[in-house]
Structures are given as C-alpha cells and as structure tokens.
Protein backbone atom coordinates (compact mmCIF):
# COMPACT_ATOMS: atom_id res chain seq x y z
CA MET A 1 -6.66 -57.27 45.54
CA ALA A 2 -4.09 -54.65 45.62
CA PRO A 3 -6.15 -51.47 44.34
CA GLU A 4 -3.53 -51.00 41.59
CA ARG A 5 -4.12 -54.31 39.98
CA VAL A 6 -7.41 -55.14 38.34
CA PHE A 7 -8.13 -58.71 37.01
CA GLY A 8 -4.39 -59.11 36.84
CA ILE A 9 -3.64 -56.01 35.05
CA THR A 10 -1.32 -53.13 36.95
CA ALA A 11 -2.26 -49.57 36.12
CA ALA A 12 1.34 -49.03 34.35
CA MET A 13 0.25 -52.08 31.78
CA LEU A 14 -2.98 -50.28 31.35
CA LEU A 15 -0.98 -46.77 30.80
CA ALA A 16 1.72 -48.60 28.29
CA ALA A 17 -1.18 -50.11 26.16
CA LEU A 18 -3.07 -46.83 25.80
CA ALA A 19 0.16 -45.07 24.58
CA SER A 20 0.59 -47.94 22.23
CA PHE A 21 -2.62 -47.45 20.92
CA LEU A 22 -2.71 -43.31 20.62
CA ALA A 23 0.89 -43.88 19.12
CA VAL A 24 -0.62 -45.59 15.70
CA LEU A 25 -3.74 -43.41 15.40
CA PRO A 26 -3.37 -41.35 12.57
CA GLU A 27 -2.80 -37.41 13.51
CA PRO A 28 -5.81 -34.90 12.83
CA ALA A 29 -5.12 -32.82 9.67
CA ARG A 30 -3.51 -29.48 10.23
CA ALA A 31 -5.63 -26.76 8.38
CA GLN A 32 -3.04 -25.23 5.94
CA ASN A 33 -2.23 -21.34 6.73
CA ILE A 34 -0.88 -19.08 3.36
CA ILE A 35 2.64 -19.41 4.91
CA ASP A 36 2.22 -23.10 3.73
CA GLU A 37 0.67 -22.76 0.65
CA TRP A 38 2.48 -20.14 -0.47
CA ALA A 39 4.47 -21.30 -3.27
CA SER A 40 1.22 -23.08 -5.01
CA VAL A 41 -1.12 -19.28 -4.61
CA LYS A 42 -1.84 -18.44 -8.09
CA ALA A 43 -1.53 -14.70 -8.86
CA PRO A 44 -4.98 -13.52 -10.02
CA PRO A 45 -5.02 -11.26 -13.32
CA ALA A 46 -3.82 -8.00 -13.39
CA PRO A 47 -6.01 -5.22 -13.07
CA GLU A 48 -6.35 -2.91 -15.94
CA PRO A 49 -5.83 0.51 -16.18
CA LYS A 50 -8.34 2.69 -16.62
CA ALA A 51 -8.76 6.45 -18.37
CA VAL A 52 -9.87 9.19 -16.25
CA THR A 53 -10.85 12.59 -17.12
CA VAL A 54 -10.51 14.77 -13.52
CA ASP A 55 -11.79 18.31 -12.51
CA ALA A 56 -9.10 20.39 -12.20
CA LYS A 57 -10.54 22.57 -10.36
CA THR A 58 -11.64 19.75 -7.33
CA THR A 59 -8.35 17.81 -7.96
CA ALA A 60 -5.16 18.02 -5.95
CA LEU A 61 -1.82 16.03 -6.97
CA LEU A 62 -0.17 14.22 -3.34
CA MET A 63 3.46 13.76 -4.29
CA LEU A 64 4.39 11.37 -1.44
CA ASP A 65 7.96 10.88 -0.30
CA PHE A 66 9.88 12.19 -3.50
CA ILE A 67 12.99 12.07 -1.31
CA ASN A 68 16.62 11.18 -1.75
CA PRO A 69 16.89 8.82 1.20
CA SER A 70 13.70 7.19 -0.76
CA CYS A 71 14.25 7.58 -4.08
CA ASN A 72 17.65 6.81 -4.94
CA GLU A 73 19.54 4.35 -7.00
CA GLN A 74 20.88 2.04 -3.92
CA ARG A 75 17.97 2.11 -2.40
CA ASN A 76 15.04 2.30 -4.62
CA PRO A 77 16.20 2.92 -8.27
CA ARG A 78 12.41 1.61 -9.19
CA CYS A 79 11.75 4.97 -7.45
CA VAL A 80 14.17 6.97 -9.52
CA ALA A 81 12.69 5.18 -12.53
CA THR A 82 8.85 6.75 -12.17
CA LEU A 83 10.66 10.49 -11.98
CA PRO A 84 9.58 11.19 -15.30
CA ALA A 85 6.22 9.72 -14.89
CA ALA A 86 5.91 11.91 -11.93
CA LYS A 87 7.30 15.03 -13.29
CA LYS A 88 4.64 15.02 -16.13
CA LEU A 89 2.01 14.75 -13.63
CA LEU A 90 3.60 17.57 -11.55
CA ASP A 91 3.82 19.53 -15.12
CA ALA A 92 -0.18 19.05 -15.54
CA ALA A 93 -1.39 19.93 -12.40
CA ARG A 94 0.53 23.46 -12.62
CA ALA A 95 -0.32 24.09 -16.04
CA ASN A 96 -3.83 22.94 -15.00
CA SER A 97 -3.16 25.38 -11.66
CA MET A 98 -4.13 22.26 -9.44
CA LEU A 99 -3.31 22.18 -5.85
CA VAL A 100 0.20 20.21 -5.12
CA VAL A 101 0.60 18.92 -1.87
CA TYR A 102 4.00 17.29 -1.39
CA THR A 103 4.78 14.72 1.86
CA ALA A 104 8.10 13.26 3.49
CA TRP A 105 8.48 11.47 6.74
CA GLY A 106 11.19 11.61 9.81
CA LYS A 107 13.47 15.04 9.86
CA ASN A 108 13.14 15.47 5.97
CA THR A 109 12.52 18.43 4.76
CA ALA A 110 11.26 19.81 1.26
CA LYS A 111 14.78 20.71 0.52
CA ASP A 112 15.11 16.54 0.65
CA THR A 113 12.96 16.21 -2.38
CA ARG A 114 14.24 15.23 -5.83
CA PRO A 115 15.42 18.11 -7.96
CA GLU A 116 13.48 16.37 -10.78
CA VAL A 117 9.93 17.05 -8.48
CA ALA A 118 11.32 19.34 -6.70
CA PRO A 119 7.84 22.18 -4.67
CA ASN A 120 7.96 25.38 -6.24
CA GLY A 121 8.22 26.95 -2.46
CA SER A 122 4.01 27.95 -2.04
CA GLU A 123 2.88 24.50 -2.46
CA PRO A 124 2.01 22.74 1.25
CA PHE A 125 4.31 20.17 2.73
CA VAL A 126 3.05 17.62 5.57
CA VAL A 127 5.27 15.39 7.08
CA SER A 128 4.05 11.77 8.16
CA PHE A 129 5.26 8.03 8.19
CA LEU A 130 3.24 5.92 5.66
CA ASN A 131 -0.42 7.13 6.18
CA LYS A 132 0.07 11.04 5.46
CA TYR A 133 -3.15 11.99 7.29
CA ILE A 134 -1.96 10.59 10.52
CA GLY A 135 -0.53 14.02 12.47
CA THR A 136 -0.92 16.27 9.81
CA ASP A 137 -3.61 18.76 8.61
CA LEU A 138 -3.63 16.83 5.23
CA GLU A 139 -7.22 16.47 4.98
CA LYS A 140 -7.80 20.21 5.89
CA ILE A 141 -5.86 21.74 3.19
CA LEU A 142 -7.76 19.31 1.12
CA LYS A 143 -11.16 19.92 1.65
CA ASP A 144 -10.10 23.79 2.55
CA LYS A 145 -9.89 24.13 -1.42
CA GLY A 146 -12.79 21.93 -1.90
CA ILE A 147 -10.99 18.93 -3.10
CA GLN A 148 -13.09 15.96 -4.18
CA THR A 149 -10.72 13.55 -6.54
CA VAL A 150 -6.55 13.53 -5.17
CA ILE A 151 -4.04 12.18 -7.50
CA ILE A 152 -1.55 9.95 -5.51
CA ALA A 153 2.08 9.39 -6.61
CA GLY A 154 5.01 8.31 -4.89
CA THR A 155 7.03 5.51 -3.36
CA PHE A 156 6.73 3.17 -1.15
CA ALA A 157 3.84 1.84 -2.67
CA HIS A 158 2.60 -0.25 -0.49
CA GLY A 159 3.25 1.69 2.29
CA ALA A 160 2.78 5.32 2.12
CA VAL A 161 0.58 4.97 -1.19
CA LEU A 162 -1.40 2.02 -0.45
CA MET A 163 -2.35 3.49 3.02
CA THR A 164 -2.98 7.24 1.78
CA ALA A 165 -4.54 6.23 -0.96
CA SER A 166 -6.78 3.79 1.05
CA ASP A 167 -7.30 6.68 3.29
CA SER A 168 -8.39 8.92 0.83
CA ALA A 169 -11.11 6.56 -0.15
CA LEU A 170 -12.53 5.93 3.37
CA ARG A 171 -12.64 9.96 3.67
CA GLY A 172 -15.03 10.49 0.70
CA PHE A 173 -12.11 11.38 -1.96
CA LYS A 174 -11.90 10.17 -4.98
CA VAL A 175 -9.03 8.48 -5.58
CA VAL A 176 -6.60 8.29 -8.89
CA VAL A 177 -3.23 6.15 -8.82
CA PRO A 178 -1.03 6.16 -11.63
CA VAL A 179 0.63 3.08 -11.55
CA ASP A 180 3.59 4.08 -13.50
CA ALA A 181 4.55 7.15 -10.98
CA MET A 182 4.32 4.46 -7.70
CA SER A 183 7.31 2.38 -7.27
CA SER A 184 8.36 0.41 -4.06
CA PRO A 185 12.70 -1.42 -3.94
CA THR A 186 10.90 -4.47 -5.82
CA PRO A 187 8.01 -5.30 -7.71
CA TYR A 188 6.02 -7.30 -5.80
CA GLY A 189 5.59 -4.57 -3.47
CA GLU A 190 4.10 -2.45 -6.14
CA LYS A 191 2.29 -5.26 -7.14
CA VAL A 192 0.54 -5.82 -3.62
CA ALA A 193 -0.24 -2.63 -3.70
CA ALA A 194 -2.05 -2.39 -7.52
CA TRP A 195 -4.06 -5.66 -5.93
CA GLU A 196 -5.10 -4.53 -2.76
CA LEU A 197 -6.16 -0.92 -4.38
CA ALA A 198 -8.09 -2.89 -6.87
CA ASN A 199 -9.64 -5.26 -4.82
CA GLY A 200 -9.65 -4.06 -0.95
CA PRO A 201 -13.08 -3.93 0.45
CA ILE A 202 -15.27 -0.89 0.54
CA ILE A 203 -11.94 1.34 -0.64
CA ALA A 204 -12.01 -0.47 -4.48
CA PRO A 205 -14.97 1.59 -5.78
CA ASN A 206 -13.58 4.83 -5.13
CA ILE A 207 -10.48 3.97 -6.51
CA ALA A 208 -9.22 3.95 -10.04
CA LEU A 209 -5.80 2.53 -11.28
CA THR A 210 -4.52 4.53 -14.45
CA THR A 211 -1.28 5.75 -15.98
CA SER A 212 0.23 9.46 -16.39
CA ASP A 213 -0.58 9.05 -19.75
CA MET A 214 -4.44 7.76 -19.51
CA ILE A 215 -5.08 11.14 -17.47
CA LYS A 216 -7.27 14.02 -19.13
CA TYR A 217 -7.56 17.54 -17.61
C-alpha cells in the first residue's frame, strides 16, 4: 500500500475534507476597539466649572501661544473669540501684581503675540512646543518667585494647554484652567482637553476647571 493512501483515502482527500470542515466553522469573535465603537460611544456629562480663589502672591498666569500664527481668524477663529476673556485674566493679574509668563513655539517671539494681550516687555517669555516645561526654564521661573498655583490660558487646548497643565500638576503646582480662555481650532479639541483635565489619573485632583468670571484674587 502506498504511504499516501490509508484505507483507500489519499492525503489530498484528507486535506480537502479538512479545508471544507474549517470553512464552515464560525469565525472567532474579534474584540472591538475604540475605532469600531467610535460612533456608539456616549459622551459623559460635561465637567462643572468651579469658583476659585487664588493668592495673588503665589499665583502666576501662563499665557500660552497667543501668537498670530496660532490665533487668527483663518486657522483658529475660536482663539480670537477667547481674547476678551484672556485680556480680562491678564488685566486682573497685572492689577494684582501677579507674575505673568508668555509662551510661543518655533521661531516666534514676543513680537508675534496678539496685540490685545501683548506682553509689557518685562514679563518672562519662553519658547517650546506643546509642553512648555520641555527645554525651557519655566519651572525655575515659577519656583524662584515662590509660585504654587498657575492659571493657564491659551491655545491649542488639546496640545499646549493640556500638556502644560498636566505637567504643572505633576510638578506639584495647583492648576486653574479657565475654559473660556482656552481654545482649539475645533470644539472637539477643547472637549477632549476639558475631559482629560477633569478626569486624568493623578492630575485631576490638582486641576480646577473654571471661567474667567469665577476667579477671585
């Protein structure tokens, strides 16, 4: 008997039968991922802004990337809409002799800041992408002035604001984020940032979402 034939059945016949059997078996269930579930995921309730009282002597206002390339009617009109709230924060900070620190990215300078909220020439200015602590002396500037709390305003909410606020909390600062003074090119970017700041592990207990009208000095 040829080795490839057993009880009259050839190896090719066995393989064909096995293939037919496997073809009728149900496919194993594939676990869904977030992309599969995207349209069906229900958004959680919005975080509630809270009234905040800060000590002006130990609080700094961080003005993130209010520069023309990031804050204009073409690329980011939502940032332009936040300028009145940002100016209100800036005026209050200066009236209370608070430290104000400006930031930018790339090759932008203080001269590129929107005129509505421009630095006065004596306020610190640091340049970094996204997390404003990376590659700058921002932490030293704050700690040398005895700062314990930072108020963060700026754009992009889902980038610079989110990352700088999160790292501020991780570095031991109390963080206040006025939602009417942060922006992204789309509302969803702001929504992502607000949710993460209010719910992120470790950082959330040290971050307060508020509005410019709800801050007392």
